[in-house]
Amino acid sequence: MTKLALIDTSYLYALYNRRDRNHKAALAFSQSTDFMPVILDVILPEVTFLFLRDVGYGGVVRFLKSLTKTGLSLTPIMDDDVKRASEIMGMYQSAEFDLVDAVIMSVAERVKISQICIFDRRDFAIYRPDHVDYFTLLP
């Protein structure tokens, strides 16, 4: 059975940026694992910012063209996801979770996903979700 996995900015960026230190690991994982990626629309601004910062505008365009060719669809966030993200950020105020991470956490709880594809693991290692004891952080 294929499991769902939420995709974080750091994973998606590494997957599409050959210059990223985690590119090989992201690519190998994506080719060898039986999971269905769930990409939230809220991560696109972060990913495109990283490409703009590190590769330039052409990198943003190449990334978007490549992503749209995969046939994957973006999953929109809901008002309740933002509300729950705000609650999470308030509960973990000293950790200073960013909004995108908190939204991913809230969506994971709402749709009962326990797997997160991520390289920047700090926030997800700290957080204790409502639906499982902890997230499974991949790869």
Protein backbone atom coordinates (compact mmCIF):
# COMPACT_ATOMS: atom_id res chain seq x y z
CA MET A 1 0.00 0.00 0.00
CA THR A 2 1.32 3.42 -0.98
CA LYS A 3 1.62 5.84 1.92
CA LEU A 4 1.16 9.58 1.71
CA ALA A 5 4.10 11.82 2.56
CA LEU A 6 3.96 15.57 2.93
CA ILE A 7 6.75 17.34 1.07
CA ASP A 8 8.67 20.10 2.85
CA THR A 9 10.46 22.99 1.15
CA SER A 10 13.93 21.62 1.89
CA TYR A 11 13.17 18.28 0.24
CA LEU A 12 11.53 19.73 -2.87
CA TYR A 13 14.35 22.24 -3.30
CA ALA A 14 17.00 19.52 -2.95
CA LEU A 15 15.14 17.26 -5.37
CA TYR A 16 15.12 19.89 -8.14
CA ASN A 17 18.44 21.64 -7.46
CA ARG A 18 21.43 19.61 -8.63
CA ARG A 19 23.71 21.98 -6.72
CA ASP A 20 22.08 21.28 -3.36
CA ARG A 21 24.09 19.09 -0.98
CA ASN A 22 21.04 16.85 -0.45
CA HIS A 23 20.15 16.46 -4.14
CA LYS A 24 21.51 12.93 -4.55
CA ALA A 25 19.76 11.71 -1.39
CA ALA A 26 16.45 13.31 -2.43
CA LEU A 27 16.67 11.89 -5.93
CA ALA A 28 17.59 8.39 -4.75
CA PHE A 29 14.77 8.42 -2.20
CA SER A 30 12.19 9.63 -4.72
CA GLN A 31 13.14 6.86 -7.15
CA SER A 32 13.29 4.02 -4.64
CA THR A 33 10.34 4.60 -2.36
CA ASP A 34 6.69 3.74 -2.70
CA PHE A 35 5.05 6.89 -1.39
CA MET A 36 2.58 9.39 -2.77
CA PRO A 37 3.93 12.93 -2.40
CA VAL A 38 1.56 15.61 -1.14
CA ILE A 39 2.83 19.06 -2.04
CA LEU A 40 1.05 21.94 -0.32
CA ASP A 41 0.66 25.13 -2.32
CA VAL A 42 2.09 27.12 0.58
CA ILE A 43 5.63 25.78 0.03
CA LEU A 44 6.00 27.11 -3.54
CA PRO A 45 6.91 30.69 -2.53
CA GLU A 46 9.66 29.34 -0.26
CA VAL A 47 11.07 27.01 -2.91
CA THR A 48 11.04 29.69 -5.60
CA PHE A 49 12.69 32.15 -3.20
CA LEU A 50 15.52 29.66 -2.63
CA PHE A 51 15.99 29.16 -6.37
CA LEU A 52 15.98 32.92 -6.95
CA ARG A 53 18.51 33.46 -4.15
CA ASP A 54 20.84 30.60 -5.05
CA VAL A 55 20.45 30.04 -8.80
CA GLY A 56 18.79 33.16 -10.20
CA TYR A 57 15.57 33.88 -12.02
CA GLY A 58 16.29 31.29 -14.70
CA GLY A 59 16.48 28.67 -11.96
CA VAL A 60 12.98 29.61 -10.79
CA VAL A 61 11.61 29.24 -14.31
CA ARG A 62 13.36 25.88 -14.87
CA PHE A 63 12.08 24.58 -11.52
CA LEU A 64 8.48 25.57 -12.26
CA LYS A 65 8.62 24.03 -15.76
CA SER A 66 10.04 20.80 -14.35
CA LEU A 67 7.51 20.63 -11.53
CA THR A 68 4.54 21.16 -13.82
CA LYS A 69 5.75 18.39 -16.15
CA THR A 70 5.52 15.82 -13.33
CA GLY A 71 1.75 15.87 -13.33
CA LEU A 72 1.66 16.37 -9.58
CA SER A 73 -1.02 18.67 -8.30
CA LEU A 74 -0.63 21.13 -5.49
CA THR A 75 -2.84 20.67 -2.47
CA PRO A 76 -4.41 23.91 -1.24
CA ILE A 77 -4.40 24.71 2.43
CA MET A 78 -7.63 25.53 4.26
CA ASP A 79 -8.55 28.30 6.65
CA ASP A 80 -8.59 25.77 9.50
CA ASP A 81 -4.99 24.78 8.64
CA VAL A 82 -3.87 28.37 9.18
CA LYS A 83 -5.85 28.53 12.42
CA ARG A 84 -4.24 25.31 13.69
CA ALA A 85 -0.81 26.53 12.52
CA SER A 86 -1.31 29.63 14.64
CA GLU A 87 -2.15 27.43 17.65
CA ILE A 88 0.94 25.28 17.04
CA MET A 89 3.16 28.36 16.74
CA GLY A 90 1.71 29.67 19.99
CA MET A 91 2.26 26.37 21.83
CA TYR A 92 5.87 26.15 20.61
CA GLN A 93 6.63 29.86 20.74
CA SER A 94 10.15 29.43 22.11
CA ALA A 95 11.04 27.17 19.16
CA GLU A 96 9.88 29.86 16.69
CA PHE A 97 8.44 27.49 14.07
CA ASP A 98 7.94 29.20 10.74
CA LEU A 99 4.48 29.41 9.23
CA VAL A 100 5.08 26.89 6.44
CA ASP A 101 6.32 24.22 8.87
CA ALA A 102 3.38 24.86 11.19
CA VAL A 103 0.93 24.59 8.27
CA ILE A 104 2.52 21.30 7.18
CA MET A 105 2.10 20.05 10.76
CA SER A 106 -1.55 21.11 10.84
CA VAL A 107 -2.35 19.49 7.49
CA ALA A 108 -0.56 16.31 8.58
CA GLU A 109 -2.82 16.17 11.64
CA ARG A 110 -5.97 16.94 9.66
CA VAL A 111 -5.44 14.23 7.04
CA LYS A 112 -3.59 11.83 9.37
CA ILE A 113 -0.25 11.76 7.52
CA SER A 114 2.75 10.73 9.61
CA GLN A 115 5.52 10.90 6.98
CA ILE A 116 7.30 14.13 6.10
CA CYS A 117 9.99 14.39 3.39
CA ILE A 118 12.40 16.92 4.79
CA PHE A 119 16.07 17.75 5.31
CA ASP A 120 15.64 20.68 7.72
CA ARG A 121 14.31 18.51 10.56
CA ARG A 122 14.56 20.64 13.71
CA ASP A 123 10.94 21.82 13.95
CA PHE A 124 9.44 18.44 13.06
CA ALA A 125 11.67 16.62 15.54
CA ILE A 126 10.48 18.94 18.32
CA TYR A 127 6.76 18.92 17.53
CA ARG A 128 4.43 16.24 18.95
CA PRO A 129 1.47 15.80 16.61
CA ASP A 130 -2.02 14.94 17.81
CA HIS A 131 -2.51 11.86 15.63
CA VAL A 132 0.80 9.98 16.16
CA ASP A 133 3.57 10.02 18.76
CA TYR A 134 5.99 11.62 16.31
CA PHE A 135 6.47 12.23 12.61
CA THR A 136 8.50 9.84 10.48
CA LEU A 137 11.07 12.10 8.84
CA LEU A 138 12.27 10.97 5.42
CA PRO A 139 14.66 10.25 3.77
